[in-house]
Amino acid sequence: MSKPSSGQTQLYFEDLHIGQGFTSGAYYMDEARIKSFAAELDPQPFHLDEVAARSTIFKGLSASGLHTACCLHADS
């Protein structure tokens, strides 16, 4: 793992508890990035097809959980 930046505490999975919140850095997530990541690594209809995604719990295109986790890691 990378070293935390000045003033930032490195968190590990075992440090977290249910209901805990934290703030991460900003990351711009757009439709093209969602679809590109999903096409390669998580090809679910709600990540790739806006029409199919409307009939899901998300009611629209949704980024992969794996994709969002990667964004958090990229910020650390």
Foldseek 3Di string as FASTA:
>chain_A
DDDDDPPDDDDDPVNDDPPDDDDFDDDDDDLVNQQVCCVVPNVDCLSHPQVVVCPDPNNGRDHDPVVVVVVRVVRD
